[in-house]
C-alpha atoms as a PDB file:
ATOM      1  CA  MET A   1      -8.962   2.643  26.586  1.00  0.00           C
ATOM      2  CA  SER A   2      -8.254   6.053  25.213  1.00  0.00           C
ATOM      3  CA  GLY A   3      -5.240   8.229  24.741  1.00  0.00           C
ATOM      4  CA  ARG A   4      -2.686   8.607  22.031  1.00  0.00           C
ATOM      5  CA  ILE A   5       1.001   7.861  22.177  1.00  0.00           C
ATOM      6  CA  SER A   6       3.020  11.030  21.703  1.00  0.00           C
ATOM      7  CA  VAL A   7       6.707  11.599  21.067  1.00  0.00           C
ATOM      8  CA  CYS A   8       8.780  14.570  22.127  1.00  0.00           C
ATOM      9  CA  SER A   9      12.455  15.450  22.271  1.00  0.00           C
ATOM     10  CA  LEU A  10      14.204  17.355  25.003  1.00  0.00           C
ATOM     11  CA  ASN A  11      17.762  18.293  25.812  1.00  0.00           C
ATOM     12  CA  THR A  12      19.081  18.006  29.315  1.00  0.00           C
ATOM     13  CA  GLY A  13      21.468  20.477  30.845  1.00  0.00           C
ATOM     14  CA  GLU A  14      24.272  19.699  33.227  1.00  0.00           C
ATOM     15  CA  ASN A  15      23.220  18.737  36.759  1.00  0.00           C
ATOM     16  CA  GLU A  16      19.547  19.147  35.863  1.00  0.00           C
ATOM     17  CA  GLN A  17      16.388  17.335  36.898  1.00  0.00           C
ATOM     18  CA  ILE A  18      13.422  17.489  34.572  1.00  0.00           C
ATOM     19  CA  ASP A  19       9.922  17.054  35.961  1.00  0.00           C
ATOM     20  CA  ALA A  20       7.819  16.316  32.890  1.00  0.00           C
ATOM     21  CA  VAL A  21       4.054  16.243  32.455  1.00  0.00           C
ATOM     22  CA  PHE A  22       2.660  14.839  29.219  1.00  0.00           C
ATOM     23  CA  ARG A  23      -0.874  15.539  28.113  1.00  0.00           C
ATOM     24  CA  LEU A  24      -2.214  12.994  25.627  1.00  0.00           C
ATOM     25  CA  CYS A  25      -4.874  13.937  23.093  1.00  0.00           C
ATOM     26  CA  LYS A  26      -8.208  12.157  23.236  1.00  0.00           C
ATOM     27  CA  ASP A  27      -8.321   9.062  21.057  1.00  0.00           C
ATOM     28  CA  LYS A  28     -11.595   7.228  20.494  1.00  0.00           C
ATOM     29  CA  ARG A  29     -10.094   4.095  18.980  1.00  0.00           C
ATOM     30  CA  CYS A  30     -10.478   0.816  20.829  1.00  0.00           C
ATOM     31  CA  VAL A  31      -8.390  -2.255  21.580  1.00  0.00           C
ATOM     32  CA  ILE A  32      -9.234  -5.832  22.413  1.00  0.00           C
ATOM     33  CA  TYR A  33      -7.321  -7.132  25.412  1.00  0.00           C
ATOM     34  CA  GLY A  34      -7.991 -10.608  26.703  1.00  0.00           C
ATOM     35  CA  THR A  35      -6.782 -13.811  28.271  1.00  0.00           C
ATOM     36  CA  VAL A  36      -7.057 -17.308  26.823  1.00  0.00           C
ATOM     37  CA  ILE A  37      -7.553 -20.029  29.431  1.00  0.00           C
ATOM     38  CA  ASP A  38      -8.067 -23.777  29.189  1.00  0.00           C
ATOM     39  CA  GLU A  39     -10.769 -25.915  30.783  1.00  0.00           C
ATOM     40  CA  PHE A  40      -8.871 -25.850  34.097  1.00  0.00           C
ATOM     41  CA  ASN A  41      -8.655 -22.018  34.086  1.00  0.00           C
ATOM     42  CA  ALA A  42      -4.915 -22.185  33.377  1.00  0.00           C
ATOM     43  CA  PRO A  43      -3.476 -19.594  30.977  1.00  0.00           C
ATOM     44  CA  VAL A  44      -2.755 -20.817  27.445  1.00  0.00           C
ATOM     45  CA  ALA A  45       0.613 -19.588  26.175  1.00  0.00           C
ATOM     46  CA  ASP A  46       1.422 -19.269  22.457  1.00  0.00           C
ATOM     47  CA  ALA A  47      -2.182 -19.540  21.258  1.00  0.00           C
ATOM     48  CA  VAL A  48      -2.882 -17.807  17.945  1.00  0.00           C
ATOM     49  CA  VAL A  49      -5.497 -15.052  18.199  1.00  0.00           C
ATOM     50  CA  LYS A  50      -6.793 -13.943  14.786  1.00  0.00           C
ATOM     51  CA  LEU A  51      -8.739 -10.715  14.307  1.00  0.00           C
ATOM     52  CA  LEU A  52     -11.322 -10.640  11.511  1.00  0.00           C
ATOM     53  CA  GLN A  53     -13.756  -7.930  10.486  1.00  0.00           C
ATOM     54  CA  VAL A  54     -17.383  -8.801   9.798  1.00  0.00           C
ATOM     55  CA  THR A  55     -18.335  -6.623   6.832  1.00  0.00           C
ATOM     56  CA  GLY A  56     -21.974  -7.474   6.146  1.00  0.00           C
ATOM     57  CA  CYS A  57     -24.716 -10.031   5.886  1.00  0.00           C
ATOM     58  CA  ASN A  58     -23.703 -13.525   4.812  1.00  0.00           C
ATOM     59  CA  LYS A  59     -20.186 -12.419   3.893  1.00  0.00           C
ATOM     60  CA  THR A  60     -17.043 -14.211   4.938  1.00  0.00           C
ATOM     61  CA  PRO A  61     -15.199 -12.237   7.651  1.00  0.00           C
ATOM     62  CA  ILE A  62     -12.020 -10.534   6.404  1.00  0.00           C
ATOM     63  CA  PRO A  63      -8.766 -11.472   8.197  1.00  0.00           C
ATOM     64  CA  LEU A  64      -7.011  -8.344   9.483  1.00  0.00           C
ATOM     65  CA  THR A  65      -4.139  -9.415  11.714  1.00  0.00           C
ATOM     66  CA  HIS A  66      -3.113 -11.901  14.385  1.00  0.00           C
ATOM     67  CA  THR A  67      -1.047 -12.163  17.515  1.00  0.00           C
ATOM     68  CA  PHE A  68       0.092 -14.807  20.002  1.00  0.00           C
ATOM     69  CA  THR A  69      -0.705 -15.053  23.681  1.00  0.00           C
ATOM     70  CA  ASP A  70       2.114 -14.493  26.152  1.00  0.00           C
ATOM     71  CA  ARG A  71       3.047 -16.919  28.932  1.00  0.00           C
ATOM     72  CA  TYR A  72       0.086 -15.625  30.952  1.00  0.00           C
ATOM     73  CA  GLY A  73      -2.354 -16.290  28.092  1.00  0.00           C
ATOM     74  CA  GLN A  74      -2.810 -12.554  27.465  1.00  0.00           C
ATOM     75  CA  PHE A  75      -3.110 -10.781  24.113  1.00  0.00           C
ATOM     76  CA  LEU A  76      -3.744  -7.271  22.756  1.00  0.00           C
ATOM     77  CA  LEU A  77      -5.108  -6.253  19.337  1.00  0.00           C
ATOM     78  CA  GLY A  78      -5.742  -2.774  17.955  1.00  0.00           C
ATOM     79  CA  PRO A  79      -6.265   0.028  17.318  1.00  0.00           C
ATOM     80  CA  LEU A  80      -9.794  -0.791  16.175  1.00  0.00           C
ATOM     81  CA  CYS A  81     -12.361   1.335  14.362  1.00  0.00           C
ATOM     82  CA  PRO A  82     -15.597   2.239  16.132  1.00  0.00           C
ATOM     83  CA  ASN A  83     -18.966   0.931  15.044  1.00  0.00           C
ATOM     84  CA  LYS A  84     -17.444  -2.039  13.246  1.00  0.00           C
ATOM     85  CA  LYS A  85     -18.041  -5.717  13.948  1.00  0.00           C
ATOM     86  CA  TYR A  86     -15.035  -7.877  14.673  1.00  0.00           C
ATOM     87  CA  MET A  87     -14.571 -11.585  15.209  1.00  0.00           C
ATOM     88  CA  LEU A  88     -11.811 -13.418  17.055  1.00  0.00           C
ATOM     89  CA  LYS A  89     -10.582 -16.901  16.164  1.00  0.00           C
ATOM     90  CA  ILE A  90      -8.362 -18.589  18.712  1.00  0.00           C
ATOM     91  CA  TYR A  91      -6.248 -21.639  17.908  1.00  0.00           C
ATOM     92  CA  LYS A  92      -4.025 -23.750  20.142  1.00  0.00           C
ATOM     93  CA  ASP A  93      -3.321 -27.402  19.496  1.00  0.00           C
ATOM     94  CA  ASN A  94      -6.433 -29.124  20.838  1.00  0.00           C
ATOM     95  CA  ILE A  95      -8.183 -25.963  22.059  1.00  0.00           C
ATOM     96  CA  THR A  96     -11.715 -25.516  20.731  1.00  0.00           C
ATOM     97  CA  ILE A  97     -12.149 -22.577  18.366  1.00  0.00           C
ATOM     98  CA  ARG A  98     -14.529 -19.928  19.658  1.00  0.00           C
ATOM     99  CA  TYR A  99     -16.174 -17.363  17.375  1.00  0.00           C
ATOM    100  CA  GLU A 100     -17.112 -14.058  18.955  1.00  0.00           C
ATOM    101  CA  GLN A 101     -18.455 -10.981  17.174  1.00  0.00           C
ATOM    102  CA  LEU A 102     -17.445  -7.722  18.821  1.00  0.00           C
ATOM    103  CA  ASN A 103     -18.685  -4.162  18.418  1.00  0.00           C
ATOM    104  CA  ALA A 104     -16.189  -1.326  18.874  1.00  0.00           C
ATOM    105  CA  ASN A 105     -17.338   2.269  19.388  1.00  0.00           C
ATOM    106  CA  SER A 106     -15.801   5.707  18.761  1.00  0.00           C
ATOM    107  CA  TYR A 107     -12.925   6.586  16.480  1.00  0.00           C
ATOM    108  CA  GLU A 108     -10.696   9.349  15.211  1.00  0.00           C
ATOM    109  CA  GLY A 109      -7.525   8.413  13.370  1.00  0.00           C
ATOM    110  CA  LYS A 110      -6.253   5.344  11.555  1.00  0.00           C
ATOM    111  CA  CYS A 111      -7.082   1.846  12.686  1.00  0.00           C
ATOM    112  CA  ILE A 112      -7.006  -1.773  11.640  1.00  0.00           C
ATOM    113  CA  GLY A 113      -9.975  -2.546   9.426  1.00  0.00           C
ATOM    114  CA  VAL A 114     -11.690  -2.566   6.082  1.00  0.00           C
ATOM    115  CA  SER A 115     -13.659   0.435   4.880  1.00  0.00           C
ATOM    116  CA  THR A 116     -17.228  -0.505   4.043  1.00  0.00           C
ATOM    117  CA  SER A 117     -19.399   2.082   2.370  1.00  0.00           C
ATOM    118  CA  ASN A 118     -22.448  -0.018   1.479  1.00  0.00           C
ATOM    119  CA  ASN A 119     -24.478  -1.620   4.260  1.00  0.00           C
ATOM    120  CA  ASN A 120     -27.697  -2.711   2.536  1.00  0.00           C
ATOM    121  CA  CYS A 121     -28.413  -5.562   4.928  1.00  0.00           C
ATOM    122  CA  ASN A 122     -31.852  -6.268   6.260  1.00  0.00           C
ATOM    123  CA  THR A 123     -32.511  -5.516   9.917  1.00  0.00           C
ATOM    124  CA  GLU A 124     -32.639  -9.193  10.873  1.00  0.00           C
ATOM    125  CA  CYS A 125     -29.034  -9.669   9.761  1.00  0.00           C
ATOM    126  CA  ASN A 126     -27.780  -6.689  11.812  1.00  0.00           C
ATOM    127  CA  LYS A 127     -29.015  -8.038  15.136  1.00  0.00           C
END
């Protein structure tokens, strides 16, 4: 998913129709869009979806933000930095928690995340 939201102002004249074309700049940030379903493949409404960033070997993931699923079980989180590892935690009453590490690629601009400048992990940890 790329593109950047832009804002513009325009004034309309009397009895005028405006045919507008908007060109969005390239944006390399990413989003996570998903659906939470139960064991019967039914959407899970109002589940909590937490976004955490995995910052290195044997470190506790850092909570970044959260959202709730809509009535269709859908959620959206972002914008995310490229080349960072993320984890989702999903909670809903008796729903089992699933841990998933995610890799996001490409980025220009601000995003949700923690800046990490030192990655001295061994190669086994980065797999």
